[in-house]
Amino acid sequence: MCMERWPSTTAFVVHFRESADIAAGRVEGKVEHIASYRATRFSSFEELLAFIACVLAETRDRDAR
């Protein structure tokens, strides 16, 4: 199977703490943007998605220049 190559500018690594219970909506962990090494800890899906959205917006803005 041939997998499409995705750019690293849109790649993230997400680590969930052992205590996370995704089914119950309880998440905690760390997320890191592969290309920039920017990282943050999160304690909710909203925080996780806000970080990803912010980094992707900055990446798009930089690429648009």
C-alpha atoms as a PDB file:
ATOM      1  CA  MET A   1       0.000   0.000   0.000  1.00  0.00           C
ATOM      2  CA  CYS A   2       1.358   3.435  -0.946  1.00  0.00           C
ATOM      3  CA  MET A   3       0.767   6.101   1.690  1.00  0.00           C
ATOM      4  CA  GLU A   4       0.491   9.717   0.650  1.00  0.00           C
ATOM      5  CA  ARG A   5       3.339  11.804   2.060  1.00  0.00           C
ATOM      6  CA  TRP A   6       2.053  14.518   4.376  1.00  0.00           C
ATOM      7  CA  PRO A   7       4.095  17.634   5.107  1.00  0.00           C
ATOM      8  CA  SER A   8       5.697  17.803   8.554  1.00  0.00           C
ATOM      9  CA  THR A   9       4.383  21.361   8.912  1.00  0.00           C
ATOM     10  CA  THR A  10       0.975  19.856   9.665  1.00  0.00           C
ATOM     11  CA  ALA A  11       2.183  16.984  11.865  1.00  0.00           C
ATOM     12  CA  PHE A  12       1.754  16.788  15.630  1.00  0.00           C
ATOM     13  CA  VAL A  13       2.577  14.233  18.312  1.00  0.00           C
ATOM     14  CA  VAL A  14      -0.004  13.905  21.073  1.00  0.00           C
ATOM     15  CA  HIS A  15       0.832  12.186  24.352  1.00  0.00           C
ATOM     16  CA  PHE A  16      -2.036  11.347  26.695  1.00  0.00           C
ATOM     17  CA  ARG A  17      -1.451  10.843  30.404  1.00  0.00           C
ATOM     18  CA  GLU A  18      -2.283   7.401  31.761  1.00  0.00           C
ATOM     19  CA  SER A  19      -5.085   8.968  33.804  1.00  0.00           C
ATOM     20  CA  ALA A  20      -6.840  10.234  30.668  1.00  0.00           C
ATOM     21  CA  ASP A  21     -10.283   8.769  30.055  1.00  0.00           C
ATOM     22  CA  ILE A  22     -11.227   9.874  26.565  1.00  0.00           C
ATOM     23  CA  ALA A  23     -14.644   8.172  26.678  1.00  0.00           C
ATOM     24  CA  ALA A  24     -15.478  10.217  29.781  1.00  0.00           C
ATOM     25  CA  GLY A  25     -14.111  13.410  28.201  1.00  0.00           C
ATOM     26  CA  ARG A  26     -11.206  13.623  30.663  1.00  0.00           C
ATOM     27  CA  VAL A  27      -7.987  14.254  28.790  1.00  0.00           C
ATOM     28  CA  GLU A  28      -4.598  15.480  29.887  1.00  0.00           C
ATOM     29  CA  GLY A  29      -1.291  15.376  28.141  1.00  0.00           C
ATOM     30  CA  LYS A  30       1.218  17.124  25.934  1.00  0.00           C
ATOM     31  CA  VAL A  31       1.142  18.020  22.246  1.00  0.00           C
ATOM     32  CA  GLU A  32       4.154  18.913  20.105  1.00  0.00           C
ATOM     33  CA  HIS A  33       4.336  20.362  16.595  1.00  0.00           C
ATOM     34  CA  ILE A  34       6.895  18.325  14.657  1.00  0.00           C
ATOM     35  CA  ALA A  35       8.283  21.073  12.407  1.00  0.00           C
ATOM     36  CA  SER A  36       8.705  23.818  15.019  1.00  0.00           C
ATOM     37  CA  TYR A  37       9.128  21.736  18.201  1.00  0.00           C
ATOM     38  CA  ARG A  38       6.568  24.008  19.860  1.00  0.00           C
ATOM     39  CA  ALA A  39       4.810  22.138  22.625  1.00  0.00           C
ATOM     40  CA  THR A  40       2.257  22.664  25.332  1.00  0.00           C
ATOM     41  CA  ARG A  41       0.427  20.721  27.991  1.00  0.00           C
ATOM     42  CA  PHE A  42      -3.352  20.460  27.805  1.00  0.00           C
ATOM     43  CA  SER A  43      -6.097  19.435  30.197  1.00  0.00           C
ATOM     44  CA  SER A  44      -9.068  19.429  27.809  1.00  0.00           C
ATOM     45  CA  PHE A  45      -9.923  18.717  24.187  1.00  0.00           C
ATOM     46  CA  GLU A  46     -10.556  22.439  23.772  1.00  0.00           C
ATOM     47  CA  GLU A  47      -6.996  23.308  24.857  1.00  0.00           C
ATOM     48  CA  LEU A  48      -5.545  20.604  22.601  1.00  0.00           C
ATOM     49  CA  LEU A  49      -7.504  21.777  19.559  1.00  0.00           C
ATOM     50  CA  ALA A  50      -6.823  25.462  20.293  1.00  0.00           C
ATOM     51  CA  PHE A  51      -3.059  24.835  20.252  1.00  0.00           C
ATOM     52  CA  ILE A  52      -3.266  22.880  17.002  1.00  0.00           C
ATOM     53  CA  ALA A  53      -5.481  25.530  15.375  1.00  0.00           C
ATOM     54  CA  CYS A  54      -3.102  28.311  16.428  1.00  0.00           C
ATOM     55  CA  VAL A  55      -0.006  26.563  15.087  1.00  0.00           C
ATOM     56  CA  LEU A  56      -1.708  25.646  11.801  1.00  0.00           C
ATOM     57  CA  ALA A  57      -2.936  29.232  11.334  1.00  0.00           C
ATOM     58  CA  GLU A  58       0.581  30.561  11.912  1.00  0.00           C
ATOM     59  CA  THR A  59       1.975  27.990   9.458  1.00  0.00           C
ATOM     60  CA  ARG A  60      -0.578  28.981   6.787  1.00  0.00           C
ATOM     61  CA  ASP A  61       0.148  32.680   7.322  1.00  0.00           C
ATOM     62  CA  ARG A  62       3.895  32.108   7.020  1.00  0.00           C
ATOM     63  CA  ASP A  63       3.476  29.969   3.884  1.00  0.00           C
ATOM     64  CA  ALA A  64       1.186  32.583   2.280  1.00  0.00           C
ATOM     65  CA  ARG A  65       3.941  35.221   2.348  1.00  0.00           C
END
